[in-house]
């Protein structure tokens, strides 16, 4: 029987990162969800041809990089989980352009959870013997399974912290407007 020591560490880190994301999202309001401090902002867009909701994205972001709303960040986190799961463990056919994102706060919270759970379940099925296995990443290169999982954890940490920061900026803006 294969060991799961290293995998248990990754699972604990995944749970901790996901728990932090949940803490950062607790009490999120619809105003915070869509707030932008100014111009050059990425948010949701609706496809004129299909009516599908998506997020703007570029592998090489424009300069200066646009500010992204909490809605965009949550959608990006969810989409990343779908793409990583499909490309590393599935048919490698999922594309951002094919996903229809919920444009409202409650829908996005549910969608983010629905995208996280299958990824977590897939990781739970692995053993330490699986970690050095090469798999495809969502951008087409091969990486070890361990690195793919670690990158997904760091992705949650990064964007969760960004959400917390945007919420703090929103609160300061509100306080400054009250004075």
N, C-alpha and C. Protein backbone atom coordinates (compact mmCIF):
# COMPACT_ATOMS: atom_id res chain seq x y z
N UNK A 1 0.84 -1.19 0.00
CA UNK A 1 0.00 0.00 0.00
C UNK A 1 0.88 1.25 0.00
N UNK A 2 0.52 2.20 -0.80
CA UNK A 2 1.30 3.41 -0.96
C UNK A 2 1.09 4.37 0.21
N UNK A 3 2.11 5.09 0.54
CA UNK A 3 2.07 6.10 1.58
C UNK A 3 1.27 7.31 1.13
N UNK A 4 0.78 8.08 2.08
CA UNK A 4 0.07 9.32 1.79
C UNK A 4 0.61 10.47 2.63
N UNK A 5 1.83 10.32 3.19
CA UNK A 5 2.37 11.38 4.05
C UNK A 5 2.48 12.72 3.35
N UNK A 6 3.13 12.73 2.20
CA UNK A 6 3.30 13.99 1.46
C UNK A 6 1.94 14.51 0.99
N UNK A 7 1.09 13.61 0.54
CA UNK A 7 -0.23 14.00 0.07
C UNK A 7 -1.05 14.61 1.21
N UNK A 8 -0.94 14.04 2.41
CA UNK A 8 -1.67 14.59 3.55
C UNK A 8 -1.23 16.02 3.86
N UNK A 9 0.05 16.32 3.66
CA UNK A 9 0.53 17.69 3.84
C UNK A 9 -0.12 18.60 2.80
N UNK A 10 -0.14 18.16 1.55
CA UNK A 10 -0.79 18.96 0.50
C UNK A 10 -2.28 19.13 0.77
N UNK A 11 -2.94 18.09 1.22
CA UNK A 11 -4.37 18.19 1.53
C UNK A 11 -4.62 19.16 2.68
N UNK A 12 -3.74 19.14 3.68
CA UNK A 12 -3.88 20.08 4.80
C UNK A 12 -3.67 21.51 4.33
N UNK A 13 -2.69 21.72 3.44
CA UNK A 13 -2.45 23.06 2.90
C UNK A 13 -3.62 23.52 2.02
N UNK A 14 -4.16 22.60 1.24
CA UNK A 14 -5.32 22.92 0.41
C UNK A 14 -6.50 23.32 1.29
N UNK A 15 -6.73 22.57 2.35
CA UNK A 15 -7.83 22.88 3.27
C UNK A 15 -7.60 24.22 3.96
N UNK A 16 -6.38 24.49 4.37
CA UNK A 16 -6.09 25.76 5.03
C UNK A 16 -6.27 26.93 4.08
N UNK A 17 -5.78 26.80 2.85
CA UNK A 17 -5.94 27.87 1.86
C UNK A 17 -7.42 28.10 1.56
N UNK A 18 -8.17 27.00 1.38
CA UNK A 18 -9.60 27.11 1.08
C UNK A 18 -10.35 27.71 2.26
N UNK A 19 -9.96 27.34 3.48
CA UNK A 19 -10.58 27.93 4.67
C UNK A 19 -10.35 29.43 4.73
N UNK A 20 -9.14 29.86 4.37
CA UNK A 20 -8.85 31.30 4.34
C UNK A 20 -9.71 32.00 3.30
N UNK A 21 -9.85 31.39 2.13
CA UNK A 21 -10.71 31.98 1.10
C UNK A 21 -12.13 32.15 1.65
N UNK A 22 -12.64 31.13 2.33
CA UNK A 22 -13.99 31.22 2.90
C UNK A 22 -14.08 32.34 3.93
N UNK A 23 -13.04 32.48 4.75
CA UNK A 23 -13.01 33.57 5.73
C UNK A 23 -13.04 34.92 5.01
N UNK A 24 -12.27 35.06 3.94
CA UNK A 24 -12.21 36.33 3.21
C UNK A 24 -13.54 36.65 2.53
N UNK A 25 -14.29 35.62 2.18
CA UNK A 25 -15.58 35.82 1.50
C UNK A 25 -16.75 36.00 2.46
N UNK A 26 -16.55 35.68 3.73
CA UNK A 26 -17.65 35.75 4.71
C UNK A 26 -18.22 37.17 4.78
N UNK A 27 -19.52 37.27 4.61
CA UNK A 27 -20.20 38.56 4.70
C UNK A 27 -20.02 39.46 3.49
N UNK A 28 -19.45 38.93 2.41
CA UNK A 28 -19.25 39.72 1.20
C UNK A 28 -20.58 40.27 0.72
N UNK A 29 -20.61 41.55 0.37
CA UNK A 29 -21.83 42.18 -0.12
C UNK A 29 -21.81 42.27 -1.64
N UNK A 30 -22.98 42.48 -2.21
CA UNK A 30 -23.08 42.64 -3.66
C UNK A 30 -22.31 43.88 -4.11
N UNK A 31 -22.28 44.93 -3.29
CA UNK A 31 -21.53 46.13 -3.65
C UNK A 31 -20.02 45.85 -3.69
N UNK A 32 -19.51 45.10 -2.71
CA UNK A 32 -18.09 44.74 -2.71
C UNK A 32 -17.77 43.85 -3.91
N UNK A 33 -18.66 42.95 -4.22
CA UNK A 33 -18.49 41.98 -5.30
C UNK A 33 -18.16 42.66 -6.63
N UNK A 34 -18.81 43.78 -6.90
CA UNK A 34 -18.66 44.45 -8.20
C UNK A 34 -17.85 45.74 -8.14
N UNK A 35 -17.41 46.14 -6.96
CA UNK A 35 -16.75 47.44 -6.81
C UNK A 35 -15.44 47.54 -7.57
N UNK A 36 -15.25 48.71 -8.14
CA UNK A 36 -14.00 49.05 -8.81
C UNK A 36 -13.62 50.46 -8.40
N UNK A 37 -12.34 50.71 -8.13
CA UNK A 37 -11.93 52.05 -7.72
C UNK A 37 -11.79 53.04 -8.88
N UNK A 38 -11.92 52.56 -10.11
CA UNK A 38 -11.77 53.50 -11.22
C UNK A 38 -11.77 52.80 -12.56
N UNK A 39 -11.13 53.44 -13.52
CA UNK A 39 -11.06 52.94 -14.89
C UNK A 39 -10.09 51.76 -14.98
N UNK A 40 -9.99 51.18 -16.15
CA UNK A 40 -9.08 50.06 -16.45
C UNK A 40 -9.33 48.90 -15.49
N UNK A 41 -10.57 48.42 -15.50
CA UNK A 41 -10.98 47.34 -14.61
C UNK A 41 -11.51 46.16 -15.41
N UNK A 42 -11.10 44.97 -14.99
CA UNK A 42 -11.69 43.76 -15.55
C UNK A 42 -12.79 43.28 -14.62
N UNK A 43 -13.95 43.00 -15.22
CA UNK A 43 -15.12 42.49 -14.50
C UNK A 43 -15.74 41.44 -15.42
N UNK A 44 -16.98 41.11 -15.21
CA UNK A 44 -17.67 40.18 -16.10
C UNK A 44 -18.02 40.85 -17.41
N UNK A 45 -18.05 40.05 -18.46
CA UNK A 45 -18.57 40.52 -19.74
C UNK A 45 -19.53 39.46 -20.26
N UNK A 46 -20.48 39.91 -21.04
CA UNK A 46 -21.45 38.99 -21.63
C UNK A 46 -21.21 38.91 -23.12
N UNK A 47 -21.05 37.69 -23.60
CA UNK A 47 -20.82 37.46 -25.03
C UNK A 47 -22.04 37.91 -25.82
N UNK A 48 -21.79 38.74 -26.80
CA UNK A 48 -22.89 39.23 -27.64
C UNK A 48 -23.52 38.12 -28.46
N UNK A 49 -22.70 37.16 -28.89
CA UNK A 49 -23.21 36.09 -29.76
C UNK A 49 -23.99 35.05 -28.97
N UNK A 50 -23.49 34.64 -27.82
CA UNK A 50 -24.08 33.51 -27.10
C UNK A 50 -24.78 33.90 -25.81
N UNK A 51 -24.58 35.13 -25.34
CA UNK A 51 -25.17 35.55 -24.08
C UNK A 51 -24.50 34.95 -22.86
N UNK A 52 -23.40 34.27 -23.07
CA UNK A 52 -22.67 33.61 -21.98
C UNK A 52 -21.85 34.64 -21.22
N UNK A 53 -21.82 34.52 -19.88
CA UNK A 53 -21.00 35.40 -19.05
C UNK A 53 -19.61 34.82 -18.91
N UNK A 54 -18.61 35.70 -19.03
CA UNK A 54 -17.22 35.27 -18.92
C UNK A 54 -16.40 36.40 -18.30
N UNK A 55 -15.12 36.17 -18.19
CA UNK A 55 -14.21 37.20 -17.68
C UNK A 55 -13.14 37.47 -18.74
N UNK A 56 -12.72 38.72 -18.88
CA UNK A 56 -11.60 38.98 -19.77
C UNK A 56 -10.34 38.38 -19.16
N UNK A 57 -9.48 37.87 -20.01
CA UNK A 57 -8.24 37.27 -19.53
C UNK A 57 -7.22 37.25 -20.64
N UNK A 58 -5.97 37.44 -20.27
CA UNK A 58 -4.89 37.35 -21.23
C UNK A 58 -3.69 36.74 -20.53
N UNK A 59 -3.04 35.77 -21.21
CA UNK A 59 -1.83 35.18 -20.63
C UNK A 59 -0.77 36.25 -20.42
N UNK A 60 -0.76 37.24 -21.27
CA UNK A 60 0.14 38.38 -21.10
C UNK A 60 -0.75 39.59 -20.86
N UNK A 61 -0.92 39.98 -19.58
CA UNK A 61 -1.84 41.09 -19.29
C UNK A 61 -1.35 42.40 -19.90
N UNK A 62 -2.29 43.25 -20.25
CA UNK A 62 -1.91 44.56 -20.76
C UNK A 62 -1.16 45.35 -19.68
N UNK A 63 -0.40 46.34 -20.12
CA UNK A 63 0.33 47.20 -19.18
C UNK A 63 -0.23 48.61 -19.27
N UNK A 64 -0.63 49.23 -18.20
CA UNK A 64 -0.61 48.63 -16.87
C UNK A 64 -1.70 47.56 -16.75
N UNK A 65 -1.44 46.60 -15.89
CA UNK A 65 -2.41 45.53 -15.67
C UNK A 65 -3.70 46.12 -15.11
N UNK A 66 -4.83 45.66 -15.60
CA UNK A 66 -6.10 46.20 -15.09
C UNK A 66 -6.36 45.78 -13.65
N UNK A 67 -7.08 46.62 -12.92
CA UNK A 67 -7.59 46.24 -11.62
C UNK A 67 -8.67 45.20 -11.87
N UNK A 68 -8.79 44.21 -11.02
CA UNK A 68 -9.84 43.21 -11.18
C UNK A 68 -10.77 43.25 -9.98
N UNK A 69 -12.06 43.19 -10.26
CA UNK A 69 -13.06 43.21 -9.20
C UNK A 69 -13.02 41.89 -8.43
N UNK A 70 -13.64 41.88 -7.26
CA UNK A 70 -13.76 40.64 -6.50
C UNK A 70 -14.51 39.61 -7.33
N UNK A 71 -15.52 40.05 -8.06
CA UNK A 71 -16.27 39.13 -8.93
C UNK A 71 -15.32 38.46 -9.92
N UNK A 72 -14.44 39.25 -10.55
CA UNK A 72 -13.49 38.69 -11.50
C UNK A 72 -12.56 37.70 -10.81
N UNK A 73 -12.06 38.07 -9.63
CA UNK A 73 -11.12 37.21 -8.91
C UNK A 73 -11.77 35.88 -8.51
N UNK A 74 -13.02 35.94 -8.05
CA UNK A 74 -13.72 34.70 -7.69
C UNK A 74 -13.94 33.84 -8.93
N UNK A 75 -14.34 34.46 -10.02
CA UNK A 75 -14.54 33.72 -11.27
C UNK A 75 -13.23 33.11 -11.74
N UNK A 76 -12.16 33.87 -11.65
CA UNK A 76 -10.85 33.37 -12.05
C UNK A 76 -10.44 32.17 -11.21
N UNK A 77 -10.67 32.22 -9.91
CA UNK A 77 -10.35 31.09 -9.04
C UNK A 77 -11.15 29.86 -9.44
N UNK A 78 -12.44 30.05 -9.68
CA UNK A 78 -13.31 28.93 -10.05
C UNK A 78 -12.89 28.32 -11.38
N UNK A 79 -12.69 29.18 -12.37
CA UNK A 79 -12.29 28.73 -13.70
C UNK A 79 -10.96 27.98 -13.63
N UNK A 80 -10.02 28.49 -12.84
CA UNK A 80 -8.73 27.82 -12.72
C UNK A 80 -8.91 26.40 -12.21
N UNK A 81 -9.79 26.20 -11.23
CA UNK A 81 -10.01 24.85 -10.70
C UNK A 81 -10.59 23.93 -11.78
N UNK A 82 -11.52 24.44 -12.56
CA UNK A 82 -12.11 23.65 -13.65
C UNK A 82 -11.03 23.27 -14.66
N UNK A 83 -10.23 24.24 -15.05
CA UNK A 83 -9.20 24.00 -16.06
C UNK A 83 -8.10 23.06 -15.56
N UNK A 84 -7.66 23.27 -14.32
CA UNK A 84 -6.62 22.39 -13.76
C UNK A 84 -7.14 20.96 -13.66
N UNK A 85 -8.34 20.80 -13.15
CA UNK A 85 -8.91 19.47 -13.01
C UNK A 85 -9.02 18.78 -14.37
N UNK A 86 -9.55 19.50 -15.35
CA UNK A 86 -9.74 18.89 -16.67
C UNK A 86 -8.41 18.61 -17.38
N UNK A 87 -7.48 19.53 -17.30
CA UNK A 87 -6.23 19.36 -18.05
C UNK A 87 -5.27 18.39 -17.36
N UNK A 88 -5.25 18.36 -16.04
CA UNK A 88 -4.34 17.45 -15.34
C UNK A 88 -4.92 16.05 -15.16
N UNK A 89 -6.24 15.96 -15.02
CA UNK A 89 -6.86 14.67 -14.67
C UNK A 89 -7.97 14.25 -15.63
N UNK A 90 -8.28 15.07 -16.60
CA UNK A 90 -9.42 14.77 -17.46
C UNK A 90 -9.08 14.75 -18.94
N UNK A 91 -10.02 15.19 -19.74
CA UNK A 91 -9.93 15.09 -21.20
C UNK A 91 -9.15 16.24 -21.85
N UNK A 92 -8.78 17.25 -21.09
CA UNK A 92 -8.04 18.41 -21.59
C UNK A 92 -8.82 19.17 -22.67
N UNK A 93 -10.12 19.32 -22.46
CA UNK A 93 -10.95 20.02 -23.44
C UNK A 93 -11.58 21.30 -22.90
N UNK A 94 -11.58 21.50 -21.58
CA UNK A 94 -12.22 22.68 -21.00
C UNK A 94 -11.47 23.94 -21.41
N UNK A 95 -12.25 24.98 -21.73
CA UNK A 95 -11.70 26.28 -22.10
C UNK A 95 -12.52 27.37 -21.43
N UNK A 96 -11.86 28.44 -21.06
CA UNK A 96 -12.55 29.56 -20.43
C UNK A 96 -13.73 30.01 -21.28
N UNK A 97 -13.54 30.10 -22.58
CA UNK A 97 -14.59 30.58 -23.48
C UNK A 97 -15.85 29.70 -23.46
N UNK A 98 -15.71 28.46 -23.02
CA UNK A 98 -16.85 27.54 -23.00
C UNK A 98 -17.63 27.56 -21.69
N UNK A 99 -17.08 28.22 -20.68
CA UNK A 99 -17.72 28.22 -19.36
C UNK A 99 -18.69 29.38 -19.24
N UNK A 100 -19.86 29.12 -18.69
CA UNK A 100 -20.87 30.15 -18.48
C UNK A 100 -20.87 30.48 -16.99
N UNK A 101 -20.36 31.65 -16.66
CA UNK A 101 -20.19 32.03 -15.26
C UNK A 101 -21.43 32.74 -14.72
N UNK A 102 -21.79 32.48 -13.48
CA UNK A 102 -22.91 33.22 -12.89
C UNK A 102 -22.47 34.65 -12.58
N UNK A 103 -23.22 35.66 -13.02
CA UNK A 103 -22.78 37.05 -12.86
C UNK A 103 -23.15 37.68 -11.52
N UNK A 104 -23.81 36.93 -10.63
CA UNK A 104 -24.25 37.51 -9.36
C UNK A 104 -23.50 36.87 -8.19
N UNK A 105 -23.51 37.53 -7.06
CA UNK A 105 -22.74 37.11 -5.89
C UNK A 105 -23.12 35.71 -5.40
N UNK A 106 -24.39 35.47 -5.16
CA UNK A 106 -24.80 34.15 -4.65
C UNK A 106 -24.46 33.04 -5.64
N UNK A 107 -24.69 33.29 -6.91
CA UNK A 107 -24.37 32.30 -7.94
C UNK A 107 -22.88 32.02 -7.99
N UNK A 108 -22.06 33.08 -7.86
CA UNK A 108 -20.61 32.88 -7.94
C UNK A 108 -20.07 32.16 -6.71
N UNK A 109 -20.61 32.44 -5.54
CA UNK A 109 -20.18 31.71 -4.34
C UNK A 109 -20.48 30.22 -4.52
N UNK A 110 -21.68 29.90 -4.99
CA UNK A 110 -22.06 28.51 -5.21
C UNK A 110 -21.18 27.88 -6.29
N UNK A 111 -20.90 28.63 -7.36
CA UNK A 111 -20.07 28.11 -8.45
C UNK A 111 -18.64 27.85 -7.98
N UNK A 112 -18.10 28.76 -7.20
CA UNK A 112 -16.74 28.58 -6.68
C UNK A 112 -16.66 27.32 -5.83
N UNK A 113 -17.65 27.10 -4.97
CA UNK A 113 -17.69 25.87 -4.16
C UNK A 113 -17.82 24.64 -5.07
N UNK A 114 -18.69 24.74 -6.06
CA UNK A 114 -18.92 23.60 -6.97
C UNK A 114 -17.68 23.28 -7.79
N UNK A 115 -16.82 24.25 -8.03
CA UNK A 115 -15.58 24.00 -8.77
C UNK A 115 -14.48 23.47 -7.85
N UNK A 116 -14.50 23.88 -6.59
CA UNK A 116 -13.46 23.44 -5.65
C UNK A 116 -13.65 21.97 -5.26
N UNK A 117 -14.87 21.55 -5.01
CA UNK A 117 -15.12 20.21 -4.48
C UNK A 117 -14.60 19.09 -5.37
N UNK A 118 -14.83 19.10 -6.68
CA UNK A 118 -14.28 18.02 -7.51
C UNK A 118 -12.75 18.01 -7.54
N UNK A 119 -12.16 19.21 -7.50
CA UNK A 119 -10.69 19.26 -7.46
C UNK A 119 -10.19 18.62 -6.16
N UNK A 120 -10.78 19.01 -5.06
CA UNK A 120 -10.39 18.43 -3.76
C UNK A 120 -10.58 16.91 -3.77
N UNK A 121 -11.71 16.46 -4.28
CA UNK A 121 -12.00 15.02 -4.33
C UNK A 121 -10.95 14.29 -5.18
N UNK A 122 -10.53 14.89 -6.28
CA UNK A 122 -9.52 14.26 -7.13
C UNK A 122 -8.19 14.14 -6.37
N UNK A 123 -7.82 15.20 -5.68
CA UNK A 123 -6.56 15.17 -4.91
C UNK A 123 -6.65 14.11 -3.81
N UNK A 124 -7.80 13.98 -3.18
CA UNK A 124 -7.96 12.98 -2.11
C UNK A 124 -7.80 11.55 -2.62
N UNK A 125 -8.04 11.32 -3.90
CA UNK A 125 -7.91 9.96 -4.46
C UNK A 125 -6.46 9.57 -4.74
N UNK A 126 -5.56 10.51 -4.68
CA UNK A 126 -4.17 10.25 -5.02
C UNK A 126 -3.40 9.62 -3.86
N UNK A 127 -2.21 9.13 -4.17
CA UNK A 127 -1.26 8.65 -3.17
C UNK A 127 0.07 9.36 -3.42
N UNK A 128 1.01 9.17 -2.51
CA UNK A 128 2.34 9.76 -2.71
C UNK A 128 2.99 9.28 -4.00
N UNK A 129 2.69 8.04 -4.40
CA UNK A 129 3.26 7.50 -5.64
C UNK A 129 2.80 8.29 -6.87
N UNK A 130 1.65 8.95 -6.78
CA UNK A 130 1.12 9.73 -7.90
C UNK A 130 1.79 11.10 -8.04
N UNK A 131 2.40 11.60 -6.98
CA UNK A 131 2.88 12.98 -6.97
C UNK A 131 3.97 13.28 -8.01
N UNK A 132 4.90 12.37 -8.31
CA UNK A 132 5.89 12.69 -9.34
C UNK A 132 5.39 12.49 -10.78
N UNK A 133 4.18 11.98 -10.95
CA UNK A 133 3.62 11.73 -12.28
C UNK A 133 3.46 13.05 -13.04
N UNK A 134 3.92 13.05 -14.28
CA UNK A 134 3.75 14.23 -15.12
C UNK A 134 2.31 14.29 -15.63
N UNK A 135 1.76 15.48 -15.55
CA UNK A 135 0.40 15.75 -16.05
C UNK A 135 0.43 17.10 -16.76
N UNK A 136 -0.59 17.32 -17.57
CA UNK A 136 -0.67 18.59 -18.28
C UNK A 136 -1.24 19.67 -17.36
N UNK A 137 -0.69 20.85 -17.51
CA UNK A 137 -1.24 22.02 -16.82
C UNK A 137 -2.27 22.65 -17.76
N UNK A 138 -3.01 23.61 -17.24
CA UNK A 138 -4.04 24.25 -18.04
C UNK A 138 -3.46 25.08 -19.18
N UNK A 139 -2.18 25.40 -19.13
CA UNK A 139 -1.55 26.16 -20.24
C UNK A 139 -0.75 25.26 -21.16
N UNK A 140 -0.87 23.94 -21.00
CA UNK A 140 -0.34 23.00 -21.98
C UNK A 140 0.98 22.36 -21.69
N UNK A 141 1.72 22.85 -20.70
CA UNK A 141 2.99 22.20 -20.40
C UNK A 141 2.79 21.10 -19.37
N UNK A 142 3.74 20.19 -19.30
CA UNK A 142 3.65 19.12 -18.31
C UNK A 142 4.42 19.51 -17.05
N UNK A 143 3.81 19.16 -15.93
CA UNK A 143 4.41 19.38 -14.61
C UNK A 143 4.09 18.16 -13.76
N UNK A 144 4.84 18.01 -12.68
CA UNK A 144 4.51 16.91 -11.78
C UNK A 144 3.17 17.19 -11.11
N UNK A 145 2.51 16.13 -10.72
CA UNK A 145 1.23 16.25 -10.03
C UNK A 145 1.40 17.10 -8.77
N UNK A 146 2.49 16.86 -8.04
CA UNK A 146 2.75 17.63 -6.83
C UNK A 146 2.83 19.13 -7.12
N UNK A 147 3.51 19.49 -8.19
CA UNK A 147 3.64 20.91 -8.53
C UNK A 147 2.30 21.50 -8.96
N UNK A 148 1.51 20.74 -9.67
CA UNK A 148 0.18 21.21 -10.09
C UNK A 148 -0.69 21.48 -8.86
N UNK A 149 -0.68 20.56 -7.90
CA UNK A 149 -1.48 20.75 -6.68
C UNK A 149 -0.94 21.94 -5.89
N UNK A 150 0.38 22.02 -5.73
CA UNK A 150 0.98 23.14 -4.99
C UNK A 150 0.64 24.47 -5.65
N UNK A 151 0.66 24.52 -6.98
CA UNK A 151 0.30 25.75 -7.70
C UNK A 151 -1.15 26.13 -7.45
N UNK A 152 -2.04 25.14 -7.41
CA UNK A 152 -3.45 25.41 -7.14
C UNK A 152 -3.64 25.96 -5.72
N UNK A 153 -2.87 25.43 -4.78
CA UNK A 153 -2.94 25.93 -3.41
C UNK A 153 -2.48 27.39 -3.37
N UNK A 154 -1.33 27.66 -3.99
CA UNK A 154 -0.82 29.03 -4.01
C UNK A 154 -1.77 29.98 -4.73
N UNK A 155 -2.45 29.48 -5.74
CA UNK A 155 -3.43 30.28 -6.47
C UNK A 155 -4.55 30.72 -5.53
N UNK A 156 -5.05 29.80 -4.70
CA UNK A 156 -6.08 30.15 -3.71
C UNK A 156 -5.55 31.16 -2.70
N UNK A 157 -4.32 30.95 -2.22
CA UNK A 157 -3.72 31.87 -1.25
C UNK A 157 -3.61 33.27 -1.86
N UNK A 158 -3.06 33.34 -3.07
CA UNK A 158 -2.85 34.64 -3.72
C UNK A 158 -4.16 35.39 -3.93
N UNK A 159 -5.12 34.74 -4.56
CA UNK A 159 -6.35 35.45 -4.89
C UNK A 159 -7.25 35.65 -3.67
N UNK A 160 -7.18 34.76 -2.71
CA UNK A 160 -7.90 34.99 -1.46
C UNK A 160 -7.39 36.24 -0.76
N UNK A 161 -6.08 36.39 -0.69
CA UNK A 161 -5.48 37.58 -0.06
C UNK A 161 -5.82 38.84 -0.85
N UNK A 162 -5.86 38.73 -2.17
CA UNK A 162 -6.23 39.89 -2.99
C UNK A 162 -7.69 40.30 -2.72
N UNK A 163 -8.56 39.31 -2.55
CA UNK A 163 -9.96 39.61 -2.23
C UNK A 163 -10.04 40.34 -0.89
N UNK A 164 -9.29 39.87 0.09
CA UNK A 164 -9.28 40.53 1.41
C UNK A 164 -8.80 41.97 1.28
N UNK A 165 -7.80 42.20 0.44
CA UNK A 165 -7.27 43.54 0.25
C UNK A 165 -8.28 44.45 -0.44
N UNK A 166 -8.94 43.95 -1.46
CA UNK A 166 -9.96 44.75 -2.15
C UNK A 166 -11.10 45.08 -1.19
N UNK A 167 -11.49 44.14 -0.35
CA UNK A 167 -12.55 44.42 0.63
C UNK A 167 -12.12 45.52 1.59
N UNK A 168 -10.86 45.48 2.00
CA UNK A 168 -10.35 46.52 2.90
C UNK A 168 -10.34 47.88 2.21
N UNK A 169 -9.91 47.93 0.96
CA UNK A 169 -9.96 49.18 0.20
C UNK A 169 -11.39 49.69 0.08
N UNK A 170 -12.33 48.80 -0.16
CA UNK A 170 -13.74 49.18 -0.27
C UNK A 170 -14.22 49.78 1.05
N UNK A 171 -13.87 49.15 2.17
CA UNK A 171 -14.29 49.66 3.49
C UNK A 171 -13.68 51.04 3.77
N UNK A 172 -12.41 51.23 3.40
CA UNK A 172 -11.79 52.53 3.61
C UNK A 172 -12.43 53.59 2.74
N UNK A 173 -12.79 53.22 1.54
CA UNK A 173 -13.49 54.17 0.66
C UNK A 173 -14.81 54.58 1.28
N UNK A 174 -15.52 53.60 1.83
CA UNK A 174 -16.80 53.89 2.48
C UNK A 174 -16.62 54.82 3.67
N UNK A 175 -15.60 54.52 4.50
CA UNK A 175 -15.33 55.37 5.67
C UNK A 175 -14.96 56.79 5.24
N UNK A 176 -14.14 56.91 4.22
CA UNK A 176 -13.73 58.23 3.74
C UNK A 176 -14.90 59.01 3.17
N UNK A 177 -15.85 58.32 2.52
CA UNK A 177 -17.04 58.98 1.98
C UNK A 177 -17.97 59.46 3.08
N UNK A 178 -17.93 58.80 4.25
CA UNK A 178 -18.80 59.18 5.37
C UNK A 178 -18.28 60.42 6.09
N UNK A 179 -17.00 60.71 5.94
CA UNK A 179 -16.40 61.84 6.68
C UNK A 179 -16.58 63.15 5.99
